[in-house]
């Protein structure tokens, strides 16, 4: 595998897992109804919990889908970054860094405490990385860019 191929595959892998993660989290909130998510936001002191309980999950779902297919990656990353920053400060921030906290053991297996902000930071770093590297050759952004370049200079 050449260095160029590795450089093309690395952002693809990052884009796929980040996109899937946001879609999964957004869908989980939407499919259960946003009222439950609103209660969580109220409990955590998030400003404007009603509107954020609607905007947040749809931002995750639609933004994640765009990241997944590689469409408007830089633009879509901005609201996704914002959701991660809000979640870090209002939801997971006071639980510390670790995303996995084993607090006990039951006959059924381990008991986990509330997650920290570790995963939020991973999402933030991944989104910033995608914004810096730009579209990989397997993305819709790359296809759109090359289509415009080819059509601008007909042979």
Protein backbone atom coordinates (compact mmCIF):
# COMPACT_ATOMS: atom_id res chain seq x y z
CA UNK A 1 0.00 0.00 0.00
CA UNK A 2 1.51 3.32 -1.05
CA UNK A 3 1.81 6.38 1.15
CA UNK A 4 -0.75 8.19 -1.06
CA UNK A 5 -3.24 5.34 -0.66
CA UNK A 6 -2.81 5.42 3.11
CA UNK A 7 -3.39 9.17 3.10
CA UNK A 8 -6.63 8.61 1.17
CA UNK A 9 -7.88 5.78 3.39
CA UNK A 10 -7.12 7.40 6.77
CA UNK A 11 -9.70 10.22 6.47
CA UNK A 12 -12.18 7.77 4.92
CA UNK A 13 -12.03 5.53 8.00
CA UNK A 14 -12.32 8.53 10.31
CA UNK A 15 -15.25 9.92 8.30
CA UNK A 16 -17.13 6.61 8.33
CA UNK A 17 -16.92 6.03 12.09
CA UNK A 18 -17.65 9.67 12.98
CA UNK A 19 -20.57 9.82 10.56
CA UNK A 20 -22.00 6.53 11.79
CA UNK A 21 -21.58 7.59 15.42
CA UNK A 22 -23.46 10.84 14.94
CA UNK A 23 -26.23 9.13 12.95
CA UNK A 24 -26.62 6.46 15.65
CA UNK A 25 -26.76 9.00 18.50
CA UNK A 26 -29.12 11.33 16.64
CA UNK A 27 -31.43 8.50 15.65
CA UNK A 28 -31.51 7.12 19.20
CA UNK A 29 -32.76 10.48 20.49
CA UNK A 30 -35.29 11.00 17.68
CA UNK A 31 -36.66 7.44 17.66
CA UNK A 32 -37.48 7.61 21.38
CA UNK A 33 -39.02 11.05 21.02
CA UNK A 34 -37.19 14.25 21.84
CA UNK A 35 -39.23 14.87 25.03
CA UNK A 36 -37.02 12.50 27.03
CA UNK A 37 -33.91 14.20 25.71
CA UNK A 38 -35.44 17.56 26.66
CA UNK A 39 -35.82 16.34 30.26
CA UNK A 40 -32.14 15.40 30.31
CA UNK A 41 -31.19 18.85 28.99
CA UNK A 42 -33.35 20.55 31.64
CA UNK A 43 -31.77 18.45 34.37
CA UNK A 44 -28.27 19.31 33.13
CA UNK A 45 -29.02 23.04 32.86
CA UNK A 46 -28.60 23.35 29.10
CA UNK A 47 -29.95 26.70 27.88
CA UNK A 48 -33.13 26.60 25.74
CA UNK A 49 -33.73 22.88 26.39
CA UNK A 50 -36.87 22.61 24.25
CA UNK A 51 -35.32 23.97 21.07
CA UNK A 52 -31.99 22.23 21.73
CA UNK A 53 -33.76 18.90 22.24
CA UNK A 54 -35.02 19.21 18.67
CA UNK A 55 -32.06 20.88 16.96
CA UNK A 56 -29.38 18.68 18.59
CA UNK A 57 -30.63 15.25 17.50
CA UNK A 58 -31.42 16.40 13.96
CA UNK A 59 -28.02 18.06 13.71
CA UNK A 60 -26.44 14.77 14.76
CA UNK A 61 -28.58 12.68 12.40
CA UNK A 62 -28.35 14.85 9.29
CA UNK A 63 -24.83 16.09 9.96
CA UNK A 64 -23.68 12.54 10.62
CA UNK A 65 -25.25 11.36 7.36
CA UNK A 66 -23.46 14.16 5.48
CA UNK A 67 -20.14 13.22 7.11
CA UNK A 68 -20.80 9.55 6.31
CA UNK A 69 -21.14 10.23 2.58
CA UNK A 70 -18.53 12.99 2.61
CA UNK A 71 -20.82 15.86 1.66
CA UNK A 72 -19.98 19.41 2.80
CA UNK A 73 -17.68 17.96 5.46
CA UNK A 74 -16.10 21.26 6.54
CA UNK A 75 -19.40 23.12 6.72
CA UNK A 76 -21.32 20.32 8.45
CA UNK A 77 -18.53 19.84 11.00
CA UNK A 78 -19.19 23.28 12.53
CA UNK A 79 -22.63 22.56 14.08
CA UNK A 80 -21.45 19.06 15.04
CA UNK A 81 -18.47 20.58 16.86
CA UNK A 82 -20.85 22.92 18.64
CA UNK A 83 -23.02 20.01 19.82
CA UNK A 84 -19.93 18.23 21.15
CA UNK A 85 -18.71 21.32 22.98
CA UNK A 86 -22.13 21.88 24.59
CA UNK A 87 -22.33 18.20 25.57
CA UNK A 88 -18.82 18.36 27.04
CA UNK A 89 -19.54 21.36 29.25
CA UNK A 90 -23.16 20.69 30.19
CA UNK A 91 -23.58 16.92 30.16
CA UNK A 92 -20.32 14.94 30.54
CA UNK A 93 -17.90 17.58 31.84
CA UNK A 94 -18.55 17.12 35.53
CA UNK A 95 -18.09 13.34 35.29
CA UNK A 96 -14.37 13.64 34.50
CA UNK A 97 -12.37 12.40 31.56
CA UNK A 98 -12.95 8.65 31.31
CA UNK A 99 -15.81 7.49 29.13
CA UNK A 100 -15.93 4.09 30.82
CA UNK A 101 -16.27 4.01 34.60
CA UNK A 102 -16.75 0.63 36.21
CA UNK A 103 -18.42 1.33 39.56
CA UNK A 104 -19.36 -2.18 40.56
CA UNK A 105 -20.00 -5.74 39.57
CA UNK A 106 -23.31 -7.58 39.60
CA UNK A 107 -24.06 -11.22 38.78
CA UNK A 108 -25.00 -10.00 35.28
CA UNK A 109 -21.68 -8.21 34.78
CA UNK A 110 -20.06 -4.82 35.33
CA UNK A 111 -22.04 -1.75 36.38
CA UNK A 112 -20.99 1.44 34.68
CA UNK A 113 -21.25 5.01 35.92
CA UNK A 114 -21.97 8.11 33.86
CA UNK A 115 -19.56 8.67 30.97
CA UNK A 116 -16.99 11.45 31.01
CA UNK A 117 -15.96 13.73 28.17
CA UNK A 118 -13.34 11.45 26.59
CA UNK A 119 -15.51 10.47 23.61
CA UNK A 120 -16.57 14.08 23.07
CA UNK A 121 -12.92 15.04 22.71
CA UNK A 122 -12.37 12.19 20.26
CA UNK A 123 -15.29 13.40 18.14
CA UNK A 124 -13.99 16.98 18.30
CA UNK A 125 -10.48 15.90 17.29
CA UNK A 126 -11.86 13.74 14.48
CA UNK A 127 -14.05 16.53 13.10
CA UNK A 128 -11.15 19.01 13.25
CA UNK A 129 -8.95 16.48 11.49
CA UNK A 130 -11.51 16.04 8.70
CA UNK A 131 -11.81 19.82 8.37
CA UNK A 132 -8.03 20.11 8.02
CA UNK A 133 -7.46 17.21 5.63
CA UNK A 134 -10.45 17.92 3.44
CA UNK A 135 -12.36 15.43 1.39
CA UNK A 136 -10.91 12.00 0.77
CA UNK A 137 -11.09 10.49 -2.74
CA UNK A 138 -14.09 8.37 -1.72
CA UNK A 139 -16.26 11.30 -0.65
CA UNK A 140 -19.03 13.21 -2.36
CA UNK A 141 -17.04 16.44 -1.80
CA UNK A 142 -14.09 15.03 -3.75
CA UNK A 143 -16.35 13.90 -6.58
CA UNK A 144 -18.07 17.33 -6.76
CA UNK A 145 -14.74 19.17 -6.72
CA UNK A 146 -13.27 17.06 -9.52
CA UNK A 147 -16.45 17.26 -11.59
CA UNK A 148 -16.34 21.07 -11.44
CA UNK A 149 -12.63 21.12 -12.30
CA UNK A 150 -13.13 18.83 -15.32
CA UNK A 151 -16.17 20.75 -16.59
CA UNK A 152 -14.37 24.08 -16.23
CA UNK A 153 -11.61 22.92 -18.59
CA UNK A 154 -13.18 20.92 -21.44
CA UNK A 155 -10.75 19.01 -23.60
